[in-house]
Amino acid sequence: MFEHLIETVGNSVGVWLYVIAGALCFAEAAILVGMVLPGETALLVAGVFCAHGNLNLGVMIAVAVVCAIAGDSVGFEFGKKYGPALRRSRLGDWVGEQRWSLVDGFLHRHGGKAVFLGRMTALFRALIPSMAGMSGMRYRTFLLWNALGGLIWAPGCVLLGYGFSHSLDAVGKTLTYAPLIILAVVVVAAVLLHLRRRRREQAEAEAFAEADAATEA
């Protein structure tokens, strides 16, 4: 059932899968799409299609790396030029001042390394490029850490999806419904981790606000 679904979608969409996955990866930080749909999700799914032969693994990794680095660079330039206005806009209000403050504090604590470290978490990955542009960070510094993070994160996501699909196929040869069970477990685990991360972000934001208030006092 799972394999049939992948095969049907892959045959229907074809090479447009490269465009879709690359576009979502690019848009994550460039236009803050990552606040709704993390780019890693698109790359994980692309890895699954690579495992089933619908996409070429090497090409998909190259597309992912280029789009990840380019998307963050656009986000940096956007933040540099429109940062303050963006933060005061409806989109900025939707993001929320707590998130802006949390990312701002993270960036100031870690400097250029925050661009690399932020690549590994969905919330920071979407906001840090724009925040780095707002902060006045030199683009040369940003590009170095951005490229390093993209070269690690993008192939990692694609290969994780690729390996996960092969694991499902291997188990499915002996247990008919094992792939669906494992997929359900992974989805539940992802949801729980997402909720845990949100609670941690909330706690960090509250701690940051309290520390900021104490400093002002």
N, C-alpha and C. Protein backbone atom coordinates (compact mmCIF):
# COMPACT_ATOMS: atom_id res chain seq x y z
N MET A 1 0.84 -1.21 0.00
CA MET A 1 0.00 0.00 0.00
C MET A 1 0.87 1.26 0.00
N PHE A 2 1.83 1.31 0.93
CA PHE A 2 2.74 2.46 1.02
C PHE A 2 3.55 2.61 -0.27
N GLU A 3 4.10 1.50 -0.76
CA GLU A 3 4.90 1.53 -1.98
C GLU A 3 4.05 1.93 -3.18
N HIS A 4 2.82 1.43 -3.21
CA HIS A 4 1.92 1.76 -4.32
C HIS A 4 1.62 3.26 -4.34
N LEU A 5 1.40 3.84 -3.16
CA LEU A 5 1.12 5.26 -3.06
C LEU A 5 2.31 6.09 -3.56
N ILE A 6 3.52 5.72 -3.11
CA ILE A 6 4.72 6.44 -3.53
C ILE A 6 4.91 6.33 -5.04
N GLU A 7 4.71 5.14 -5.56
CA GLU A 7 4.88 4.92 -7.00
C GLU A 7 3.87 5.74 -7.81
N THR A 8 2.62 5.77 -7.34
CA THR A 8 1.57 6.53 -8.05
C THR A 8 1.88 8.02 -8.08
N VAL A 9 2.23 8.56 -6.91
CA VAL A 9 2.54 9.99 -6.83
C VAL A 9 3.80 10.31 -7.64
N GLY A 10 4.81 9.48 -7.52
CA GLY A 10 6.06 9.71 -8.23
C GLY A 10 5.88 9.70 -9.74
N ASN A 11 5.09 8.76 -10.23
CA ASN A 11 4.85 8.68 -11.67
C ASN A 11 4.00 9.85 -12.16
N SER A 12 3.11 10.34 -11.31
CA SER A 12 2.22 11.43 -11.71
C SER A 12 2.95 12.78 -11.74
N VAL A 13 3.78 13.02 -10.73
CA VAL A 13 4.45 14.31 -10.60
C VAL A 13 5.76 14.35 -11.36
N GLY A 14 6.49 13.23 -11.37
CA GLY A 14 7.74 13.14 -12.12
C GLY A 14 8.81 14.10 -11.63
N VAL A 15 9.54 14.71 -12.58
CA VAL A 15 10.67 15.57 -12.22
C VAL A 15 10.24 16.84 -11.50
N TRP A 16 8.95 17.14 -11.50
CA TRP A 16 8.47 18.29 -10.75
C TRP A 16 8.70 18.12 -9.26
N LEU A 17 8.94 16.89 -8.84
CA LEU A 17 9.27 16.65 -7.43
C LEU A 17 10.54 17.40 -7.02
N TYR A 18 11.50 17.49 -7.94
CA TYR A 18 12.72 18.27 -7.65
C TYR A 18 12.35 19.74 -7.39
N VAL A 19 11.47 20.26 -8.26
CA VAL A 19 11.08 21.67 -8.17
C VAL A 19 10.31 21.92 -6.87
N ILE A 20 9.38 21.04 -6.54
CA ILE A 20 8.56 21.22 -5.34
C ILE A 20 9.41 21.17 -4.08
N ALA A 21 10.24 20.13 -3.97
CA ALA A 21 11.08 19.99 -2.78
C ALA A 21 12.07 21.14 -2.67
N GLY A 22 12.68 21.51 -3.80
CA GLY A 22 13.64 22.61 -3.80
C GLY A 22 12.98 23.93 -3.45
N ALA A 23 11.78 24.16 -3.98
CA ALA A 23 11.07 25.41 -3.72
C ALA A 23 10.70 25.55 -2.25
N LEU A 24 10.23 24.47 -1.64
CA LEU A 24 9.88 24.52 -0.22
C LEU A 24 11.11 24.72 0.64
N CYS A 25 12.21 24.10 0.25
CA CYS A 25 13.47 24.28 0.97
C CYS A 25 13.95 25.72 0.85
N PHE A 26 13.85 26.28 -0.33
CA PHE A 26 14.26 27.67 -0.59
C PHE A 26 13.38 28.65 0.19
N ALA A 27 12.07 28.43 0.14
CA ALA A 27 11.11 29.38 0.71
C ALA A 27 11.08 29.35 2.23
N GLU A 28 11.65 28.32 2.83
CA GLU A 28 11.58 28.19 4.29
C GLU A 28 12.06 29.45 5.00
N ALA A 29 13.23 29.95 4.64
CA ALA A 29 13.78 31.16 5.26
C ALA A 29 13.58 32.40 4.39
N ALA A 30 13.51 32.19 3.07
CA ALA A 30 13.39 33.34 2.16
C ALA A 30 12.10 34.12 2.41
N ILE A 31 10.98 33.39 2.62
CA ILE A 31 9.70 34.07 2.87
C ILE A 31 9.00 33.47 4.09
N LEU A 32 9.78 32.87 4.99
CA LEU A 32 9.29 32.36 6.29
C LEU A 32 8.26 31.25 6.16
N VAL A 33 8.29 30.50 5.06
CA VAL A 33 7.40 29.36 4.92
C VAL A 33 7.68 28.32 6.00
N GLY A 34 8.92 28.30 6.50
CA GLY A 34 9.29 27.34 7.54
C GLY A 34 8.50 27.48 8.82
N MET A 35 7.84 28.63 9.04
CA MET A 35 6.99 28.79 10.21
C MET A 35 5.76 27.91 10.11
N VAL A 36 5.39 27.52 8.88
CA VAL A 36 4.22 26.67 8.66
C VAL A 36 4.63 25.25 8.27
N LEU A 37 5.56 25.15 7.34
CA LEU A 37 6.02 23.84 6.86
C LEU A 37 7.54 23.82 6.81
N PRO A 38 8.19 23.16 7.78
CA PRO A 38 9.65 23.09 7.78
C PRO A 38 10.18 22.47 6.49
N GLY A 39 11.25 23.05 5.94
CA GLY A 39 11.83 22.53 4.71
C GLY A 39 12.34 21.11 4.85
N GLU A 40 12.69 20.72 6.08
CA GLU A 40 13.20 19.37 6.28
C GLU A 40 12.14 18.32 5.93
N THR A 41 10.86 18.68 6.11
CA THR A 41 9.78 17.75 5.76
C THR A 41 9.79 17.45 4.27
N ALA A 42 9.94 18.48 3.47
CA ALA A 42 9.98 18.30 2.01
C ALA A 42 11.18 17.45 1.60
N LEU A 43 12.33 17.66 2.26
CA LEU A 43 13.53 16.91 1.89
C LEU A 43 13.44 15.46 2.35
N LEU A 44 12.82 15.23 3.48
CA LEU A 44 12.61 13.85 3.94
C LEU A 44 11.74 13.07 2.94
N VAL A 45 10.67 13.71 2.51
CA VAL A 45 9.78 13.08 1.53
C VAL A 45 10.52 12.87 0.21
N ALA A 46 11.33 13.84 -0.18
CA ALA A 46 12.12 13.69 -1.42
C ALA A 46 13.06 12.51 -1.31
N GLY A 47 13.64 12.29 -0.13
CA GLY A 47 14.50 11.13 0.08
C GLY A 47 13.77 9.82 -0.12
N VAL A 48 12.51 9.79 0.31
CA VAL A 48 11.70 8.59 0.11
C VAL A 48 11.50 8.32 -1.38
N PHE A 49 11.22 9.37 -2.15
CA PHE A 49 11.04 9.21 -3.59
C PHE A 49 12.36 8.78 -4.26
N CYS A 50 13.48 9.25 -3.72
CA CYS A 50 14.78 8.80 -4.26
C CYS A 50 14.96 7.31 -4.05
N ALA A 51 14.55 6.84 -2.88
CA ALA A 51 14.70 5.41 -2.56
C ALA A 51 13.86 4.54 -3.49
N HIS A 52 12.76 5.09 -3.99
CA HIS A 52 11.88 4.31 -4.88
C HIS A 52 12.18 4.55 -6.35
N GLY A 53 13.25 5.28 -6.63
CA GLY A 53 13.69 5.43 -8.01
C GLY A 53 13.01 6.54 -8.80
N ASN A 54 12.15 7.31 -8.14
CA ASN A 54 11.48 8.40 -8.84
C ASN A 54 12.40 9.60 -9.04
N LEU A 55 13.35 9.77 -8.13
CA LEU A 55 14.31 10.86 -8.21
C LEU A 55 15.71 10.30 -8.10
N ASN A 56 16.67 11.03 -8.67
CA ASN A 56 18.07 10.65 -8.54
C ASN A 56 18.61 11.23 -7.24
N LEU A 57 19.22 10.39 -6.42
CA LEU A 57 19.67 10.81 -5.10
C LEU A 57 20.70 11.94 -5.19
N GLY A 58 21.69 11.80 -6.05
CA GLY A 58 22.73 12.82 -6.19
C GLY A 58 22.17 14.15 -6.63
N VAL A 59 21.28 14.13 -7.61
CA VAL A 59 20.67 15.37 -8.11
C VAL A 59 19.84 16.03 -7.02
N MET A 60 19.06 15.21 -6.28
CA MET A 60 18.21 15.77 -5.24
C MET A 60 19.04 16.42 -4.14
N ILE A 61 20.16 15.81 -3.77
CA ILE A 61 21.03 16.39 -2.75
C ILE A 61 21.60 17.73 -3.23
N ALA A 62 22.02 17.76 -4.49
CA ALA A 62 22.56 19.01 -5.05
C ALA A 62 21.50 20.11 -5.05
N VAL A 63 20.29 19.76 -5.47
CA VAL A 63 19.19 20.73 -5.49
C VAL A 63 18.91 21.23 -4.07
N ALA A 64 18.91 20.32 -3.11
CA ALA A 64 18.62 20.68 -1.72
C ALA A 64 19.67 21.63 -1.16
N VAL A 65 20.93 21.35 -1.41
CA VAL A 65 22.02 22.21 -0.90
C VAL A 65 21.93 23.61 -1.49
N VAL A 66 21.78 23.68 -2.81
CA VAL A 66 21.71 24.99 -3.49
C VAL A 66 20.51 25.80 -3.00
N CYS A 67 19.36 25.15 -2.90
CA CYS A 67 18.15 25.87 -2.49
C CYS A 67 18.22 26.30 -1.03
N ALA A 68 18.82 25.46 -0.19
CA ALA A 68 18.94 25.82 1.23
C ALA A 68 19.82 27.05 1.41
N ILE A 69 20.96 27.06 0.75
CA ILE A 69 21.89 28.19 0.88
C ILE A 69 21.31 29.45 0.23
N ALA A 70 20.72 29.29 -0.95
CA ALA A 70 20.15 30.44 -1.66
C ALA A 70 18.96 31.02 -0.91
N GLY A 71 18.11 30.17 -0.36
CA GLY A 71 16.94 30.65 0.37
C GLY A 71 17.32 31.46 1.59
N ASP A 72 18.32 30.98 2.34
CA ASP A 72 18.78 31.72 3.51
C ASP A 72 19.43 33.04 3.12
N SER A 73 20.13 33.04 1.99
CA SER A 73 20.76 34.29 1.52
C SER A 73 19.71 35.33 1.16
N VAL A 74 18.62 34.89 0.53
CA VAL A 74 17.52 35.81 0.23
C VAL A 74 16.90 36.32 1.53
N GLY A 75 16.72 35.41 2.50
CA GLY A 75 16.18 35.82 3.79
C GLY A 75 17.07 36.85 4.47
N PHE A 76 18.38 36.68 4.35
CA PHE A 76 19.34 37.64 4.93
C PHE A 76 19.18 39.02 4.31
N GLU A 77 19.14 39.06 2.98
CA GLU A 77 19.01 40.33 2.28
C GLU A 77 17.66 40.98 2.56
N PHE A 78 16.63 40.16 2.66
CA PHE A 78 15.30 40.68 2.96
C PHE A 78 15.28 41.31 4.35
N GLY A 79 15.89 40.61 5.32
CA GLY A 79 15.95 41.14 6.67
C GLY A 79 16.79 42.40 6.75
N LYS A 80 17.86 42.44 5.98
CA LYS A 80 18.75 43.61 5.98
C LYS A 80 18.03 44.84 5.47
N LYS A 81 17.19 44.65 4.46
CA LYS A 81 16.53 45.80 3.83
C LYS A 81 15.18 46.13 4.46
N TYR A 82 14.41 45.08 4.82
CA TYR A 82 13.05 45.31 5.30
C TYR A 82 12.82 44.82 6.73
N GLY A 83 13.89 44.45 7.45
CA GLY A 83 13.76 43.83 8.76
C GLY A 83 12.84 44.52 9.73
N PRO A 84 13.11 45.78 10.09
CA PRO A 84 12.25 46.46 11.07
C PRO A 84 10.79 46.52 10.64
N ALA A 85 10.56 46.80 9.35
CA ALA A 85 9.19 46.86 8.85
C ALA A 85 8.54 45.49 8.91
N LEU A 86 9.32 44.45 8.60
CA LEU A 86 8.80 43.09 8.66
C LEU A 86 8.37 42.73 10.08
N ARG A 87 9.18 43.12 11.04
CA ARG A 87 8.88 42.78 12.44
C ARG A 87 7.61 43.48 12.92
N ARG A 88 7.33 44.67 12.38
CA ARG A 88 6.13 45.42 12.78
C ARG A 88 4.91 45.08 11.93
N SER A 89 5.09 44.26 10.90
CA SER A 89 4.00 43.93 9.98
C SER A 89 3.06 42.89 10.59
N ARG A 90 2.01 42.57 9.85
CA ARG A 90 1.08 41.52 10.29
C ARG A 90 1.79 40.18 10.41
N LEU A 91 2.69 39.93 9.45
CA LEU A 91 3.46 38.69 9.51
C LEU A 91 4.32 38.66 10.77
N GLY A 92 4.93 39.80 11.10
CA GLY A 92 5.74 39.88 12.31
C GLY A 92 4.91 39.66 13.55
N ASP A 93 3.69 40.21 13.57
CA ASP A 93 2.78 39.99 14.70
C ASP A 93 2.39 38.53 14.80
N TRP A 94 2.21 37.89 13.64
CA TRP A 94 1.84 36.46 13.64
C TRP A 94 2.99 35.62 14.19
N VAL A 95 4.22 35.96 13.82
CA VAL A 95 5.37 35.24 14.36
C VAL A 95 5.40 35.39 15.88
N GLY A 96 5.14 36.60 16.36
CA GLY A 96 5.07 36.83 17.79
C GLY A 96 6.37 37.41 18.35
N GLU A 97 6.21 38.39 19.24
CA GLU A 97 7.38 39.07 19.80
C GLU A 97 8.26 38.11 20.61
N GLN A 98 7.66 37.12 21.26
CA GLN A 98 8.46 36.17 22.04
C GLN A 98 9.43 35.41 21.15
N ARG A 99 8.96 34.98 19.98
CA ARG A 99 9.83 34.26 19.06
C ARG A 99 10.93 35.17 18.52
N TRP A 100 10.55 36.40 18.16
CA TRP A 100 11.56 37.33 17.67
C TRP A 100 12.64 37.55 18.73
N SER A 101 12.21 37.75 19.98
CA SER A 101 13.16 38.01 21.07
C SER A 101 14.03 36.80 21.34
N LEU A 102 13.44 35.62 21.27
CA LEU A 102 14.19 34.39 21.50
C LEU A 102 15.29 34.22 20.46
N VAL A 103 14.94 34.41 19.19
CA VAL A 103 15.92 34.26 18.11
C VAL A 103 16.95 35.38 18.18
N ASP A 104 16.51 36.59 18.52
CA ASP A 104 17.43 37.72 18.64
C ASP A 104 18.47 37.45 19.73
N GLY A 105 18.02 36.93 20.87
CA GLY A 105 18.95 36.60 21.94
C GLY A 105 19.90 35.49 21.56
N PHE A 106 19.40 34.50 20.86
CA PHE A 106 20.24 33.38 20.41
C PHE A 106 21.31 33.87 19.45
N LEU A 107 20.94 34.77 18.56
CA LEU A 107 21.87 35.31 17.58
C LEU A 107 22.97 36.14 18.26
N HIS A 108 22.58 36.94 19.23
CA HIS A 108 23.56 37.77 19.92
C HIS A 108 24.50 36.95 20.81
N ARG A 109 24.01 35.84 21.33
CA ARG A 109 24.87 34.99 22.17
C ARG A 109 25.91 34.25 21.34
N HIS A 110 25.52 33.81 20.15
CA HIS A 110 26.40 32.92 19.37
C HIS A 110 27.02 33.58 18.14
N GLY A 111 26.56 34.77 17.76
CA GLY A 111 27.14 35.44 16.61
C GLY A 111 26.98 34.63 15.32
N GLY A 112 28.05 34.56 14.52
CA GLY A 112 27.99 33.84 13.25
C GLY A 112 27.65 32.38 13.42
N LYS A 113 28.08 31.78 14.53
CA LYS A 113 27.78 30.36 14.76
C LYS A 113 26.29 30.11 14.90
N ALA A 114 25.52 31.13 15.27
CA ALA A 114 24.08 30.97 15.40
C ALA A 114 23.44 30.59 14.07
N VAL A 115 24.03 31.07 12.97
CA VAL A 115 23.50 30.74 11.63
C VAL A 115 23.63 29.24 11.39
N PHE A 116 24.77 28.68 11.81
CA PHE A 116 24.98 27.23 11.66
C PHE A 116 24.12 26.44 12.63
N LEU A 117 24.12 26.84 13.90
CA LEU A 117 23.35 26.12 14.92
C LEU A 117 21.86 26.23 14.66
N GLY A 118 21.42 27.40 14.19
CA GLY A 118 20.00 27.60 13.93
C GLY A 118 19.49 26.76 12.78
N ARG A 119 20.37 26.37 11.89
CA ARG A 119 19.99 25.52 10.75
C ARG A 119 19.39 24.20 11.23
N MET A 120 19.74 23.77 12.43
CA MET A 120 19.34 22.46 12.90
C MET A 120 17.98 22.44 13.59
N THR A 121 17.35 23.60 13.79
CA THR A 121 16.02 23.64 14.40
C THR A 121 15.07 24.44 13.52
N ALA A 122 13.84 23.96 13.40
CA ALA A 122 12.91 24.53 12.44
C ALA A 122 12.62 26.01 12.71
N LEU A 123 12.35 26.38 13.96
CA LEU A 123 12.02 27.77 14.27
C LEU A 123 13.17 28.70 13.95
N PHE A 124 14.37 28.38 14.43
CA PHE A 124 15.53 29.22 14.20
C PHE A 124 15.89 29.26 12.72
N ARG A 125 15.74 28.12 12.04
CA ARG A 125 16.12 28.05 10.63
C ARG A 125 15.30 29.02 9.78
N ALA A 126 14.04 29.22 10.15
CA ALA A 126 13.19 30.12 9.38
C ALA A 126 13.47 31.59 9.67
N LEU A 127 13.84 31.91 10.91
CA LEU A 127 13.95 33.31 11.32
C LEU A 127 15.36 33.87 11.34
N ILE A 128 16.35 33.03 11.63
CA ILE A 128 17.70 33.55 11.83
C ILE A 128 18.28 34.28 10.61
N PRO A 129 18.08 33.80 9.37
CA PRO A 129 18.63 34.56 8.25
C PRO A 129 18.15 36.02 8.21
N SER A 130 16.84 36.23 8.41
CA SER A 130 16.32 37.59 8.42
C SER A 130 16.86 38.37 9.61
N MET A 131 16.93 37.73 10.77
CA MET A 131 17.45 38.39 11.97
C MET A 131 18.92 38.75 11.80
N ALA A 132 19.68 37.87 11.13
CA ALA A 132 21.10 38.15 10.88
C ALA A 132 21.25 39.38 9.99
N GLY A 133 20.37 39.49 8.98
CA GLY A 133 20.40 40.66 8.13
C GLY A 133 20.06 41.93 8.90
N MET A 134 19.07 41.84 9.79
CA MET A 134 18.69 42.99 10.61
C MET A 134 19.82 43.43 11.53
N SER A 135 20.57 42.46 12.03
CA SER A 135 21.58 42.73 13.06
C SER A 135 22.82 43.46 12.51
N GLY A 136 22.96 43.50 11.19
CA GLY A 136 24.13 44.14 10.60
C GLY A 136 25.31 43.20 10.43
N MET A 137 25.08 41.89 10.57
CA MET A 137 26.14 40.91 10.36
C MET A 137 26.67 41.02 8.94
N ARG A 138 27.99 40.90 8.77
CA ARG A 138 28.56 40.94 7.43
C ARG A 138 28.10 39.72 6.63
N TYR A 139 27.78 39.95 5.36
CA TYR A 139 27.29 38.84 4.54
C TYR A 139 28.35 37.75 4.40
N ARG A 140 29.62 38.13 4.35
CA ARG A 140 30.69 37.15 4.22
C ARG A 140 30.66 36.17 5.39
N THR A 141 30.46 36.70 6.60
CA THR A 141 30.37 35.85 7.79
C THR A 141 29.14 34.97 7.71
N PHE A 142 28.02 35.59 7.34
CA PHE A 142 26.77 34.84 7.23
C PHE A 142 26.89 33.71 6.21
N LEU A 143 27.44 34.02 5.04
CA LEU A 143 27.53 33.03 3.97
C LEU A 143 28.39 31.84 4.37
N LEU A 144 29.47 32.09 5.09
CA LEU A 144 30.34 31.00 5.53
C LEU A 144 29.58 30.00 6.39
N TRP A 145 28.91 30.51 7.42
CA TRP A 145 28.17 29.62 8.34
C TRP A 145 26.92 29.05 7.69
N ASN A 146 26.29 29.83 6.81
CA ASN A 146 25.12 29.37 6.08
C ASN A 146 25.47 28.20 5.16
N ALA A 147 26.56 28.34 4.42
CA ALA A 147 26.98 27.28 3.50
C ALA A 147 27.37 26.01 4.26
N LEU A 148 28.08 26.19 5.37
CA LEU A 148 28.48 25.03 6.17
C LEU A 148 27.26 24.29 6.69
N GLY A 149 26.29 25.04 7.20
CA GLY A 149 25.08 24.40 7.70
C GLY A 149 24.29 23.73 6.60
N GLY A 150 24.18 24.41 5.43
CA GLY A 150 23.44 23.84 4.31
C GLY A 150 24.06 22.56 3.78
N LEU A 151 25.39 22.51 3.77
CA LEU A 151 26.09 21.33 3.26
C LEU A 151 25.93 20.12 4.17
N ILE A 152 25.62 20.36 5.43
CA ILE A 152 25.40 19.26 6.37
C ILE A 152 23.92 18.91 6.48
N TRP A 153 23.10 19.95 6.65
CA TRP A 153 21.68 19.74 6.92
C TRP A 153 20.92 19.17 5.71
N ALA A 154 21.09 19.77 4.53
CA ALA A 154 20.31 19.37 3.36
C ALA A 154 20.55 17.91 2.95
N PRO A 155 21.81 17.48 2.76
CA PRO A 155 22.03 16.06 2.44
C PRO A 155 21.56 15.14 3.55
N GLY A 156 21.72 15.60 4.81
CA GLY A 156 21.30 14.77 5.93
C GLY A 156 19.81 14.48 5.90
N CYS A 157 19.00 15.49 5.60
CA CYS A 157 17.55 15.29 5.54
C CYS A 157 17.16 14.35 4.41
N VAL A 158 17.76 14.56 3.23
CA VAL A 158 17.44 13.70 2.09
C VAL A 158 17.85 12.25 2.37
N LEU A 159 19.06 12.07 2.92
CA LEU A 159 19.55 10.72 3.20
C LEU A 159 18.76 10.05 4.31
N LEU A 160 18.26 10.85 5.26
CA LEU A 160 17.43 10.27 6.33
C LEU A 160 16.14 9.71 5.76
N GLY A 161 15.51 10.46 4.86
CA GLY A 161 14.30 9.96 4.20
C GLY A 161 14.60 8.74 3.34
N TYR A 162 15.74 8.77 2.66
CA TYR A 162 16.17 7.65 1.81
C TYR A 162 16.37 6.39 2.65
N GLY A 163 17.10 6.53 3.76
CA GLY A 163 17.35 5.38 4.62
C GLY A 163 16.10 4.87 5.29
N PHE A 164 15.22 5.79 5.69
CA PHE A 164 13.97 5.40 6.33
C PHE A 164 13.12 4.56 5.38
N SER A 165 13.05 4.97 4.12
CA SER A 165 12.25 4.23 3.15
C SER A 165 12.80 2.83 2.93
N HIS A 166 14.12 2.71 2.85
CA HIS A 166 14.73 1.39 2.67
C HIS A 166 14.48 0.50 3.88
N SER A 167 14.45 1.10 5.06
CA SER A 167 14.17 0.32 6.27
C SER A 167 12.75 -0.21 6.23
N LEU A 168 11.81 0.63 5.78
CA LEU A 168 10.43 0.18 5.66
C LEU A 168 10.31 -0.98 4.67
N ASP A 169 11.01 -0.87 3.55
CA ASP A 169 10.96 -1.92 2.54
C ASP A 169 11.51 -3.24 3.08
N ALA A 170 12.60 -3.16 3.84
CA ALA A 170 13.22 -4.37 4.37
C ALA A 170 12.31 -5.07 5.37
N VAL A 171 11.70 -4.28 6.26
CA VAL A 171 10.81 -4.87 7.25
C VAL A 171 9.54 -5.40 6.58
N GLY A 172 9.08 -4.66 5.58
CA GLY A 172 7.84 -5.05 4.91
C GLY A 172 7.91 -6.39 4.20
N LYS A 173 9.10 -6.88 3.92
CA LYS A 173 9.24 -8.18 3.26
C LYS A 173 8.85 -9.32 4.20
N THR A 174 8.93 -9.08 5.51
CA THR A 174 8.60 -10.13 6.47
C THR A 174 7.29 -9.86 7.20
N LEU A 175 6.95 -8.60 7.38
CA LEU A 175 5.72 -8.24 8.09
C LEU A 175 4.90 -7.31 7.21
N THR A 176 3.73 -7.74 6.81
CA THR A 176 2.93 -7.01 5.84
C THR A 176 2.59 -5.59 6.29
N TYR A 177 2.18 -5.45 7.54
CA TYR A 177 1.73 -4.14 8.00
C TYR A 177 2.79 -3.37 8.79
N ALA A 178 3.99 -3.91 8.87
CA ALA A 178 5.05 -3.24 9.63
C ALA A 178 5.35 -1.84 9.12
N PRO A 179 5.44 -1.61 7.81
CA PRO A 179 5.74 -0.25 7.35
C PRO A 179 4.74 0.79 7.84
N LEU A 180 3.44 0.42 7.82
CA LEU A 180 2.43 1.36 8.27
C LEU A 180 2.53 1.61 9.78
N ILE A 181 2.84 0.53 10.53
CA ILE A 181 2.99 0.68 11.98
C ILE A 181 4.17 1.58 12.30
N ILE A 182 5.29 1.33 11.63
CA ILE A 182 6.49 2.14 11.87
C ILE A 182 6.23 3.59 11.48
N LEU A 183 5.55 3.79 10.35
CA LEU A 183 5.25 5.15 9.91
C LEU A 183 4.39 5.87 10.94
N ALA A 184 3.41 5.15 11.50
CA ALA A 184 2.54 5.75 12.52
C ALA A 184 3.34 6.13 13.76
N VAL A 185 4.27 5.25 14.17
CA VAL A 185 5.11 5.53 15.33
C VAL A 185 5.97 6.76 15.09
N VAL A 186 6.53 6.86 13.89
CA VAL A 186 7.38 8.00 13.55
C VAL A 186 6.58 9.29 13.57
N VAL A 187 5.35 9.25 13.04
CA VAL A 187 4.50 10.44 13.02
C VAL A 187 4.17 10.89 14.45
N VAL A 188 3.79 9.92 15.30
CA VAL A 188 3.46 10.24 16.69
C VAL A 188 4.68 10.82 17.40
N ALA A 189 5.84 10.19 17.18
CA ALA A 189 7.08 10.68 17.81
C ALA A 189 7.40 12.10 17.35
N ALA A 190 7.20 12.37 16.05
CA ALA A 190 7.48 13.70 15.52
C ALA A 190 6.56 14.74 16.15
N VAL A 191 5.28 14.38 16.33
CA VAL A 191 4.33 15.30 16.96
C VAL A 191 4.72 15.58 18.40
N LEU A 192 5.09 14.53 19.14
CA LEU A 192 5.48 14.70 20.54
C LEU A 192 6.74 15.56 20.66
N LEU A 193 7.71 15.34 19.78
CA LEU A 193 8.93 16.15 19.79
C LEU A 193 8.62 17.61 19.46
N HIS A 194 7.68 17.79 18.52
CA HIS A 194 7.29 19.15 18.15
C HIS A 194 6.66 19.87 19.34
N LEU A 195 5.76 19.19 20.05
CA LEU A 195 5.11 19.79 21.22
C LEU A 195 6.13 20.08 22.32
N ARG A 196 7.06 19.15 22.51
CA ARG A 196 8.10 19.35 23.53
C ARG A 196 8.97 20.56 23.18
N ARG A 197 9.31 20.69 21.89
CA ARG A 197 10.12 21.81 21.46
C ARG A 197 9.40 23.12 21.65
N ARG A 198 8.09 23.15 21.39
CA ARG A 198 7.31 24.36 21.58
C ARG A 198 7.27 24.76 23.05
N ARG A 199 7.11 23.77 23.94
CA ARG A 199 7.11 24.07 25.37
C ARG A 199 8.46 24.63 25.81
N ARG A 200 9.55 24.06 25.27
CA ARG A 200 10.88 24.54 25.62
C ARG A 200 11.09 25.96 25.11
N GLU A 201 10.62 26.23 23.89
CA GLU A 201 10.74 27.57 23.34
C GLU A 201 9.98 28.57 24.19
N GLN A 202 8.78 28.17 24.66
CA GLN A 202 7.97 29.04 25.49
C GLN A 202 8.70 29.35 26.80
N ALA A 203 9.27 28.29 27.40
CA ALA A 203 10.00 28.48 28.66
C ALA A 203 11.21 29.38 28.48
N GLU A 204 11.94 29.18 27.37
CA GLU A 204 13.12 30.01 27.10
C GLU A 204 12.71 31.46 26.85
N ALA A 205 11.60 31.64 26.13
CA ALA A 205 11.13 33.00 25.86
C ALA A 205 10.73 33.71 27.15
N GLU A 206 10.06 32.98 28.06
CA GLU A 206 9.66 33.58 29.34
C GLU A 206 10.89 33.91 30.18
N ALA A 207 11.89 33.00 30.17
CA ALA A 207 13.11 33.25 30.94
C ALA A 207 13.85 34.46 30.38
N PHE A 208 13.87 34.55 29.05
CA PHE A 208 14.54 35.69 28.40
C PHE A 208 13.83 37.00 28.75
N ALA A 209 12.48 36.96 28.76
CA ALA A 209 11.72 38.16 29.09
C ALA A 209 11.95 38.59 30.53
N GLU A 210 12.01 37.60 31.44
CA GLU A 210 12.26 37.91 32.84
C GLU A 210 13.65 38.50 33.04
N ALA A 211 14.64 37.92 32.36
CA ALA A 211 16.00 38.44 32.47
C ALA A 211 16.10 39.85 31.91
N ASP A 212 15.38 40.09 30.81
CA ASP A 212 15.39 41.41 30.19
C ASP A 212 14.74 42.44 31.13
N ALA A 213 13.63 42.02 31.79
CA ALA A 213 12.95 42.92 32.72
C ALA A 213 13.82 43.23 33.92
N ALA A 214 14.55 42.21 34.40
CA ALA A 214 15.44 42.40 35.54
C ALA A 214 16.57 43.36 35.19
N THR A 215 17.07 43.26 33.95
CA THR A 215 18.15 44.15 33.51
C THR A 215 17.68 45.60 33.45
N GLU A 216 16.45 45.79 32.94
CA GLU A 216 15.90 47.14 32.85
C GLU A 216 15.67 47.73 34.24
N ALA A 217 15.24 46.84 35.19
CA ALA A 217 15.01 47.32 36.56
C ALA A 217 16.31 47.73 37.24
